[in-house]
Amino acid sequence: MKAQLPATAAQRTCRAFTLLELLVSLAVLGLIILLVAQMLGPASAITGTGNKHIDTDTQARVILDRKEHQVDRRRTEGERPDRLL
């Protein structure tokens, strides 16, 4: 049979994390989050630049569509081709 140990603080067998272990794990987690945030920063800037290019292309397409509509309308009205634009 097992002998019973005295219940002193030094001899207790408690399975838990110490405060130091928790603080170290939080510090490591903070470093990981910081590194990931630094990696995602340039990616969001590249995405923003791509979105600006898409917006510019969309605006250009709208302008060209309007011009095409004007040319088609004038052509159906019977204007001469040299005076379309």
PDB file of N, CA and C in Angstrom:
ATOM      1  N   MET A   1       0.817  -1.174   0.000  1.00  0.00           N
ATOM      2  CA  MET A   1       0.000   0.000   0.000  1.00  0.00           C
ATOM      3  C   MET A   1       0.873   1.254   0.000  1.00  0.00           C
ATOM      4  N   LYS A   2       0.314   2.299  -0.538  1.00  0.00           N
ATOM      5  CA  LYS A   2       1.044   3.554  -0.596  1.00  0.00           C
ATOM      6  C   LYS A   2       1.014   4.242   0.750  1.00  0.00           C
ATOM      7  N   ALA A   3       2.136   4.815   1.034  1.00  0.00           N
ATOM      8  CA  ALA A   3       2.177   5.604   2.254  1.00  0.00           C
ATOM      9  C   ALA A   3       1.618   6.981   1.953  1.00  0.00           C
ATOM     10  N   GLN A   4       0.900   7.522   2.864  1.00  0.00           N
ATOM     11  CA  GLN A   4       0.290   8.829   2.663  1.00  0.00           C
ATOM     12  C   GLN A   4       1.314   9.922   2.914  1.00  0.00           C
ATOM     13  N   LEU A   5       1.368  10.873   1.979  1.00  0.00           N
ATOM     14  CA  LEU A   5       2.282  12.004   2.101  1.00  0.00           C
ATOM     15  C   LEU A   5       1.628  13.106   2.916  1.00  0.00           C
ATOM     16  N   PRO A   6       2.445  13.853   3.659  1.00  0.00           N
ATOM     17  CA  PRO A   6       1.863  14.993   4.362  1.00  0.00           C
ATOM     18  C   PRO A   6       1.394  16.041   3.356  1.00  0.00           C
ATOM     19  N   ALA A   7       0.410  16.786   3.687  1.00  0.00           N
ATOM     20  CA  ALA A   7      -0.202  17.751   2.778  1.00  0.00           C
ATOM     21  C   ALA A   7       0.469  19.116   2.863  1.00  0.00           C
ATOM     22  N   THR A   8       1.771  19.152   2.844  1.00  0.00           N
ATOM     23  CA  THR A   8       2.474  20.436   2.859  1.00  0.00           C
ATOM     24  C   THR A   8       2.534  20.980   1.447  1.00  0.00           C
ATOM     25  N   ALA A   9       2.770  22.262   1.313  1.00  0.00           N
ATOM     26  CA  ALA A   9       2.795  22.918   0.013  1.00  0.00           C
ATOM     27  C   ALA A   9       3.946  22.404  -0.846  1.00  0.00           C
ATOM     28  N   ALA A  10       5.054  22.060  -0.253  1.00  0.00           N
ATOM     29  CA  ALA A  10       6.211  21.602  -1.012  1.00  0.00           C
ATOM     30  C   ALA A  10       6.006  20.197  -1.550  1.00  0.00           C
ATOM     31  N   GLN A  11       5.180  19.407  -0.945  1.00  0.00           N
ATOM     32  CA  GLN A  11       5.029  18.016  -1.349  1.00  0.00           C
ATOM     33  C   GLN A  11       3.741  17.750  -2.121  1.00  0.00           C
ATOM     34  N   ARG A  12       2.946  18.754  -2.347  1.00  0.00           N
ATOM     35  CA  ARG A  12       1.712  18.546  -3.106  1.00  0.00           C
ATOM     36  C   ARG A  12       2.023  18.208  -4.553  1.00  0.00           C
ATOM     37  N   THR A  13       1.258  17.348  -5.125  1.00  0.00           N
ATOM     38  CA  THR A  13       1.435  17.001  -6.539  1.00  0.00           C
ATOM     39  C   THR A  13       0.245  17.547  -7.318  1.00  0.00           C
ATOM     40  N   CYS A  14       0.301  18.821  -7.593  1.00  0.00           N
ATOM     41  CA  CYS A  14      -0.770  19.504  -8.333  1.00  0.00           C
ATOM     42  C   CYS A  14      -0.330  19.672  -9.789  1.00  0.00           C
ATOM     43  N   ARG A  15      -1.171  19.284 -10.708  1.00  0.00           N
ATOM     44  CA  ARG A  15      -0.831  19.374 -12.125  1.00  0.00           C
ATOM     45  C   ARG A  15      -1.522  20.602 -12.731  1.00  0.00           C
ATOM     46  N   ALA A  16      -0.820  21.721 -12.698  1.00  0.00           N
ATOM     47  CA  ALA A  16      -1.343  22.968 -13.259  1.00  0.00           C
ATOM     48  C   ALA A  16      -0.179  23.784 -13.801  1.00  0.00           C
ATOM     49  N   PHE A  17      -0.498  24.787 -14.602  1.00  0.00           N
ATOM     50  CA  PHE A  17       0.524  25.667 -15.134  1.00  0.00           C
ATOM     51  C   PHE A  17       0.879  26.722 -14.107  1.00  0.00           C
ATOM     52  N   THR A  18       2.138  27.075 -14.073  1.00  0.00           N
ATOM     53  CA  THR A  18       2.554  28.147 -13.163  1.00  0.00           C
ATOM     54  C   THR A  18       2.320  29.481 -13.856  1.00  0.00           C
ATOM     55  N   LEU A  19       2.355  30.541 -13.084  1.00  0.00           N
ATOM     56  CA  LEU A  19       2.158  31.878 -13.627  1.00  0.00           C
ATOM     57  C   LEU A  19       3.248  32.208 -14.640  1.00  0.00           C
ATOM     58  N   LEU A  20       4.448  31.800 -14.376  1.00  0.00           N
ATOM     59  CA  LEU A  20       5.555  32.050 -15.294  1.00  0.00           C
ATOM     60  C   LEU A  20       5.335  31.349 -16.631  1.00  0.00           C
ATOM     61  N   GLU A  21       4.884  30.119 -16.595  1.00  0.00           N
ATOM     62  CA  GLU A  21       4.617  29.394 -17.835  1.00  0.00           C
ATOM     63  C   GLU A  21       3.523  30.070 -18.654  1.00  0.00           C
ATOM     64  N   LEU A  22       2.495  30.553 -17.992  1.00  0.00           N
ATOM     65  CA  LEU A  22       1.414  31.250 -18.691  1.00  0.00           C
ATOM     66  C   LEU A  22       1.911  32.551 -19.307  1.00  0.00           C
ATOM     67  N   LEU A  23       2.739  33.293 -18.584  1.00  0.00           N
ATOM     68  CA  LEU A  23       3.262  34.554 -19.107  1.00  0.00           C
ATOM     69  C   LEU A  23       4.179  34.320 -20.304  1.00  0.00           C
ATOM     70  N   VAL A  24       5.009  33.288 -20.235  1.00  0.00           N
ATOM     71  CA  VAL A  24       5.889  32.976 -21.357  1.00  0.00           C
ATOM     72  C   VAL A  24       5.073  32.572 -22.578  1.00  0.00           C
ATOM     73  N   SER A  25       4.044  31.777 -22.376  1.00  0.00           N
ATOM     74  CA  SER A  25       3.224  31.357 -23.517  1.00  0.00           C
ATOM     75  C   SER A  25       2.482  32.551 -24.125  1.00  0.00           C
ATOM     76  N   LEU A  26       2.036  33.486 -23.306  1.00  0.00           N
ATOM     77  CA  LEU A  26       1.389  34.688 -23.834  1.00  0.00           C
ATOM     78  C   LEU A  26       2.375  35.549 -24.609  1.00  0.00           C
ATOM     79  N   ALA A  27       3.610  35.648 -24.130  1.00  0.00           N
ATOM     80  CA  ALA A  27       4.632  36.417 -24.846  1.00  0.00           C
ATOM     81  C   ALA A  27       4.936  35.782 -26.201  1.00  0.00           C
ATOM     82  N   VAL A  28       5.048  34.472 -26.247  1.00  0.00           N
ATOM     83  CA  VAL A  28       5.300  33.779 -27.513  1.00  0.00           C
ATOM     84  C   VAL A  28       4.128  33.976 -28.465  1.00  0.00           C
ATOM     85  N   LEU A  29       2.920  33.877 -27.952  1.00  0.00           N
ATOM     86  CA  LEU A  29       1.732  34.090 -28.781  1.00  0.00           C
ATOM     87  C   LEU A  29       1.705  35.519 -29.319  1.00  0.00           C
ATOM     88  N   GLY A  30       2.076  36.492 -28.493  1.00  0.00           N
ATOM     89  CA  GLY A  30       2.137  37.878 -28.945  1.00  0.00           C
ATOM     90  C   GLY A  30       3.150  38.074 -30.064  1.00  0.00           C
ATOM     91  N   LEU A  31       4.292  37.424 -29.963  1.00  0.00           N
ATOM     92  CA  LEU A  31       5.304  37.512 -31.020  1.00  0.00           C
ATOM     93  C   LEU A  31       4.811  36.894 -32.324  1.00  0.00           C
ATOM     94  N   ILE A  32       4.131  35.786 -32.219  1.00  0.00           N
ATOM     95  CA  ILE A  32       3.593  35.132 -33.416  1.00  0.00           C
ATOM     96  C   ILE A  32       2.563  36.028 -34.098  1.00  0.00           C
ATOM     97  N   ILE A  33       1.685  36.631 -33.306  1.00  0.00           N
ATOM     98  CA  ILE A  33       0.670  37.528 -33.861  1.00  0.00           C
ATOM     99  C   ILE A  33       1.330  38.735 -34.516  1.00  0.00           C
ATOM    100  N   LEU A  34       2.369  39.279 -33.902  1.00  0.00           N
ATOM    101  CA  LEU A  34       3.085  40.419 -34.465  1.00  0.00           C
ATOM    102  C   LEU A  34       3.724  40.058 -35.803  1.00  0.00           C
ATOM    103  N   LEU A  35       4.348  38.903 -35.881  1.00  0.00           N
ATOM    104  CA  LEU A  35       4.976  38.479 -37.132  1.00  0.00           C
ATOM    105  C   LEU A  35       3.953  38.262 -38.240  1.00  0.00           C
ATOM    106  N   VAL A  36       2.829  37.680 -37.909  1.00  0.00           N
ATOM    107  CA  VAL A  36       1.785  37.451 -38.908  1.00  0.00           C
ATOM    108  C   VAL A  36       1.217  38.786 -39.388  1.00  0.00           C
ATOM    109  N   ALA A  37       1.033  39.724 -38.479  1.00  0.00           N
ATOM    110  CA  ALA A  37       0.511  41.038 -38.860  1.00  0.00           C
ATOM    111  C   ALA A  37       1.485  41.757 -39.785  1.00  0.00           C
ATOM    112  N   GLN A  38       2.776  41.625 -39.543  1.00  0.00           N
ATOM    113  CA  GLN A  38       3.769  42.246 -40.417  1.00  0.00           C
ATOM    114  C   GLN A  38       3.788  41.595 -41.792  1.00  0.00           C
ATOM    115  N   MET A  39       3.503  40.333 -41.861  1.00  0.00           N
ATOM    116  CA  MET A  39       3.466  39.647 -43.149  1.00  0.00           C
ATOM    117  C   MET A  39       2.223  40.036 -43.942  1.00  0.00           C
ATOM    118  N   LEU A  40       1.113  40.302 -43.269  1.00  0.00           N
ATOM    119  CA  LEU A  40      -0.132  40.624 -43.958  1.00  0.00           C
ATOM    120  C   LEU A  40      -0.224  42.088 -44.353  1.00  0.00           C
ATOM    121  N   GLY A  41       0.594  42.954 -43.786  1.00  0.00           N
ATOM    122  CA  GLY A  41       0.556  44.382 -44.114  1.00  0.00           C
ATOM    123  C   GLY A  41       0.809  44.653 -45.586  1.00  0.00           C
ATOM    124  N   PRO A  42       1.922  44.180 -46.141  1.00  0.00           N
ATOM    125  CA  PRO A  42       2.169  44.407 -47.567  1.00  0.00           C
ATOM    126  C   PRO A  42       1.117  43.755 -48.468  1.00  0.00           C
ATOM    127  N   ALA A  43       0.578  42.640 -48.048  1.00  0.00           N
ATOM    128  CA  ALA A  43      -0.444  41.975 -48.857  1.00  0.00           C
ATOM    129  C   ALA A  43      -1.690  42.849 -48.979  1.00  0.00           C
ATOM    130  N   SER A  44      -2.075  43.523 -47.903  1.00  0.00           N
ATOM    131  CA  SER A  44      -3.252  44.392 -47.984  1.00  0.00           C
ATOM    132  C   SER A  44      -2.964  45.624 -48.829  1.00  0.00           C
ATOM    133  N   ALA A  45      -1.715  46.118 -48.811  1.00  0.00           N
ATOM    134  CA  ALA A  45      -1.358  47.250 -49.667  1.00  0.00           C
ATOM    135  C   ALA A  45      -1.421  46.850 -51.138  1.00  0.00           C
ATOM    136  N   ILE A  46      -0.954  45.656 -51.453  1.00  0.00           N
ATOM    137  CA  ILE A  46      -1.009  45.168 -52.837  1.00  0.00           C
ATOM    138  C   ILE A  46      -2.459  45.007 -53.273  1.00  0.00           C
ATOM    139  N   THR A  47      -3.293  44.510 -52.383  1.00  0.00           N
ATOM    140  CA  THR A  47      -4.711  44.352 -52.702  1.00  0.00           C
ATOM    141  C   THR A  47      -5.358  45.707 -52.960  1.00  0.00           C
ATOM    142  N   GLY A  48      -5.000  46.705 -52.144  1.00  0.00           N
ATOM    143  CA  GLY A  48      -5.543  48.048 -52.347  1.00  0.00           C
ATOM    144  C   GLY A  48      -5.143  48.625 -53.693  1.00  0.00           C
ATOM    145  N   THR A  49      -3.892  48.418 -54.090  1.00  0.00           N
ATOM    146  CA  THR A  49      -3.425  48.895 -55.390  1.00  0.00           C
ATOM    147  C   THR A  49      -4.176  48.194 -56.520  1.00  0.00           C
ATOM    148  N   GLY A  50      -4.375  46.892 -56.372  1.00  0.00           N
ATOM    149  CA  GLY A  50      -5.128  46.145 -57.390  1.00  0.00           C
ATOM    150  C   GLY A  50      -6.560  46.637 -57.510  1.00  0.00           C
ATOM    151  N   ASN A  51      -7.184  46.949 -56.377  1.00  0.00           N
ATOM    152  CA  ASN A  51      -8.558  47.458 -56.408  1.00  0.00           C
ATOM    153  C   ASN A  51      -8.626  48.815 -57.095  1.00  0.00           C
ATOM    154  N   LYS A  52      -7.608  49.660 -56.896  1.00  0.00           N
ATOM    155  CA  LYS A  52      -7.584  50.964 -57.574  1.00  0.00           C
ATOM    156  C   LYS A  52      -7.477  50.777 -59.086  1.00  0.00           C
ATOM    157  N   HIS A  53      -6.673  49.812 -59.513  1.00  0.00           N
ATOM    158  CA  HIS A  53      -6.547  49.540 -60.951  1.00  0.00           C
ATOM    159  C   HIS A  53      -7.878  49.051 -61.521  1.00  0.00           C
ATOM    160  N   ILE A  54      -8.565  48.218 -60.785  1.00  0.00           N
ATOM    161  CA  ILE A  54      -9.864  47.715 -61.243  1.00  0.00           C
ATOM    162  C   ILE A  54     -10.857  48.857 -61.358  1.00  0.00           C
ATOM    163  N   ASP A  55     -10.859  49.769 -60.376  1.00  0.00           N
ATOM    164  CA  ASP A  55     -11.767  50.917 -60.429  1.00  0.00           C
ATOM    165  C   ASP A  55     -11.469  51.809 -61.631  1.00  0.00           C
ATOM    166  N   THR A  56     -10.192  52.039 -61.889  1.00  0.00           N
ATOM    167  CA  THR A  56      -9.799  52.858 -63.043  1.00  0.00           C
ATOM    168  C   THR A  56     -10.222  52.201 -64.345  1.00  0.00           C
ATOM    169  N   ASP A  57     -10.010  50.906 -64.457  1.00  0.00           N
ATOM    170  CA  ASP A  57     -10.422  50.189 -65.664  1.00  0.00           C
ATOM    171  C   ASP A  57     -11.941  50.230 -65.848  1.00  0.00           C
ATOM    172  N   THR A  58     -12.673  50.127 -64.756  1.00  0.00           N
ATOM    173  CA  THR A  58     -14.134  50.177 -64.828  1.00  0.00           C
ATOM    174  C   THR A  58     -14.600  51.550 -65.308  1.00  0.00           C
ATOM    175  N   GLN A  59     -13.992  52.595 -64.784  1.00  0.00           N
ATOM    176  CA  GLN A  59     -14.360  53.951 -65.214  1.00  0.00           C
ATOM    177  C   GLN A  59     -14.039  54.156 -66.695  1.00  0.00           C
ATOM    178  N   ALA A  60     -12.885  53.662 -67.132  1.00  0.00           N
ATOM    179  CA  ALA A  60     -12.527  53.783 -68.545  1.00  0.00           C
ATOM    180  C   ALA A  60     -13.516  53.024 -69.427  1.00  0.00           C
ATOM    181  N   ARG A  61     -13.948  51.845 -68.963  1.00  0.00           N
ATOM    182  CA  ARG A  61     -14.913  51.057 -69.734  1.00  0.00           C
ATOM    183  C   ARG A  61     -16.237  51.799 -69.856  1.00  0.00           C
ATOM    184  N   VAL A  62     -16.669  52.464 -68.782  1.00  0.00           N
ATOM    185  CA  VAL A  62     -17.922  53.224 -68.822  1.00  0.00           C
ATOM    186  C   VAL A  62     -17.812  54.362 -69.834  1.00  0.00           C
ATOM    187  N   ILE A  63     -16.674  55.065 -69.830  1.00  0.00           N
ATOM    188  CA  ILE A  63     -16.485  56.175 -70.770  1.00  0.00           C
ATOM    189  C   ILE A  63     -16.490  55.666 -72.209  1.00  0.00           C
ATOM    190  N   LEU A  64     -15.782  54.573 -72.452  1.00  0.00           N
ATOM    191  CA  LEU A  64     -15.753  54.020 -73.808  1.00  0.00           C
ATOM    192  C   LEU A  64     -17.128  53.521 -74.254  1.00  0.00           C
ATOM    193  N   ASP A  65     -17.891  52.956 -73.350  1.00  0.00           N
ATOM    194  CA  ASP A  65     -19.247  52.518 -73.691  1.00  0.00           C
ATOM    195  C   ASP A  65     -20.139  53.701 -74.050  1.00  0.00           C
ATOM    196  N   ARG A  66     -19.983  54.806 -73.315  1.00  0.00           N
ATOM    197  CA  ARG A  66     -20.766  56.011 -73.641  1.00  0.00           C
ATOM    198  C   ARG A  66     -20.394  56.540 -75.024  1.00  0.00           C
ATOM    199  N   LYS A  67     -19.096  56.574 -75.318  1.00  0.00           N
ATOM    200  CA  LYS A  67     -18.653  57.048 -76.636  1.00  0.00           C
ATOM    201  C   LYS A  67     -19.191  56.130 -77.739  1.00  0.00           C
ATOM    202  N   GLU A  68     -19.159  54.825 -77.509  1.00  0.00           N
ATOM    203  CA  GLU A  68     -19.676  53.890 -78.494  1.00  0.00           C
ATOM    204  C   GLU A  68     -21.162  54.120 -78.722  1.00  0.00           C
ATOM    205  N   HIS A  69     -21.886  54.381 -77.655  1.00  0.00           N
ATOM    206  CA  HIS A  69     -23.324  54.633 -77.774  1.00  0.00           C
ATOM    207  C   HIS A  69     -23.567  55.918 -78.583  1.00  0.00           C
ATOM    208  N   GLN A  70     -22.759  56.936 -78.333  1.00  0.00           N
ATOM    209  CA  GLN A  70     -22.903  58.187 -79.075  1.00  0.00           C
ATOM    210  C   GLN A  70     -22.630  57.979 -80.563  1.00  0.00           C
ATOM    211  N   VAL A  71     -21.587  57.214 -80.873  1.00  0.00           N
ATOM    212  CA  VAL A  71     -21.242  56.949 -82.272  1.00  0.00           C
ATOM    213  C   VAL A  71     -22.365  56.163 -82.945  1.00  0.00           C
ATOM    214  N   ASP A  72     -22.877  55.148 -82.272  1.00  0.00           N
ATOM    215  CA  ASP A  72     -23.969  54.359 -82.854  1.00  0.00           C
ATOM    216  C   ASP A  72     -25.217  55.213 -83.076  1.00  0.00           C
ATOM    217  N   ARG A  73     -25.523  56.061 -82.131  1.00  0.00           N
ATOM    218  CA  ARG A  73     -26.706  56.908 -82.255  1.00  0.00           C
ATOM    219  C   ARG A  73     -26.552  57.881 -83.421  1.00  0.00           C
ATOM    220  N   ARG A  74     -25.372  58.485 -83.540  1.00  0.00           N
ATOM    221  CA  ARG A  74     -25.149  59.426 -84.647  1.00  0.00           C
ATOM    222  C   ARG A  74     -25.142  58.710 -85.987  1.00  0.00           C
ATOM    223  N   ARG A  75     -24.646  57.503 -85.996  1.00  0.00           N
ATOM    224  CA  ARG A  75     -24.616  56.731 -87.238  1.00  0.00           C
ATOM    225  C   ARG A  75     -26.045  56.424 -87.685  1.00  0.00           C
ATOM    226  N   THR A  76     -26.925  56.097 -86.763  1.00  0.00           N
ATOM    227  CA  THR A  76     -28.314  55.793 -87.131  1.00  0.00           C
ATOM    228  C   THR A  76     -29.066  57.054 -87.529  1.00  0.00           C
ATOM    229  N   GLU A  77     -28.606  58.206 -87.063  1.00  0.00           N
ATOM    230  CA  GLU A  77     -29.251  59.461 -87.438  1.00  0.00           C
ATOM    231  C   GLU A  77     -28.794  59.930 -88.816  1.00  0.00           C
ATOM    232  N   GLY A  78     -27.770  59.285 -89.367  1.00  0.00           N
ATOM    233  CA  GLY A  78     -27.353  59.567 -90.730  1.00  0.00           C
ATOM    234  C   GLY A  78     -26.246  60.590 -90.846  1.00  0.00           C
ATOM    235  N   GLU A  79     -25.522  60.876 -89.784  1.00  0.00           N
ATOM    236  CA  GLU A  79     -24.408  61.816 -89.886  1.00  0.00           C
ATOM    237  C   GLU A  79     -23.252  61.175 -90.631  1.00  0.00           C
ATOM    238  N   ARG A  80     -22.437  62.012 -91.211  1.00  0.00           N
ATOM    239  CA  ARG A  80     -21.285  61.520 -91.936  1.00  0.00           C
ATOM    240  C   ARG A  80     -20.243  60.995 -90.954  1.00  0.00           C
ATOM    241  N   PRO A  81     -19.476  59.961 -91.316  1.00  0.00           N
ATOM    242  CA  PRO A  81     -18.487  59.373 -90.410  1.00  0.00           C
ATOM    243  C   PRO A  81     -17.396  60.324 -89.990  1.00  0.00           C
ATOM    244  N   ASP A  82     -17.050  61.330 -90.821  1.00  0.00           N
ATOM    245  CA  ASP A  82     -15.976  62.242 -90.434  1.00  0.00           C
ATOM    246  C   ASP A  82     -16.402  63.206 -89.350  1.00  0.00           C
ATOM    247  N   ARG A  83     -17.681  63.261 -89.022  1.00  0.00           N
ATOM    248  CA  ARG A  83     -18.160  64.182 -87.990  1.00  0.00           C
ATOM    249  C   ARG A  83     -18.686  63.437 -86.764  1.00  0.00           C
ATOM    250  N   LEU A  84     -18.302  62.184 -86.627  1.00  0.00           N
ATOM    251  CA  LEU A  84     -18.855  61.396 -85.512  1.00  0.00           C
ATOM    252  C   LEU A  84     -18.295  61.803 -84.176  1.00  0.00           C
ATOM    253  N   LEU A  85     -17.036  62.176 -84.091  1.00  0.00           N
ATOM    254  CA  LEU A  85     -16.443  62.494 -82.801  1.00  0.00           C
ATOM    255  C   LEU A  85     -16.273  63.938 -82.682  1.00  0.00           C
TER     256      LEU A  85
END
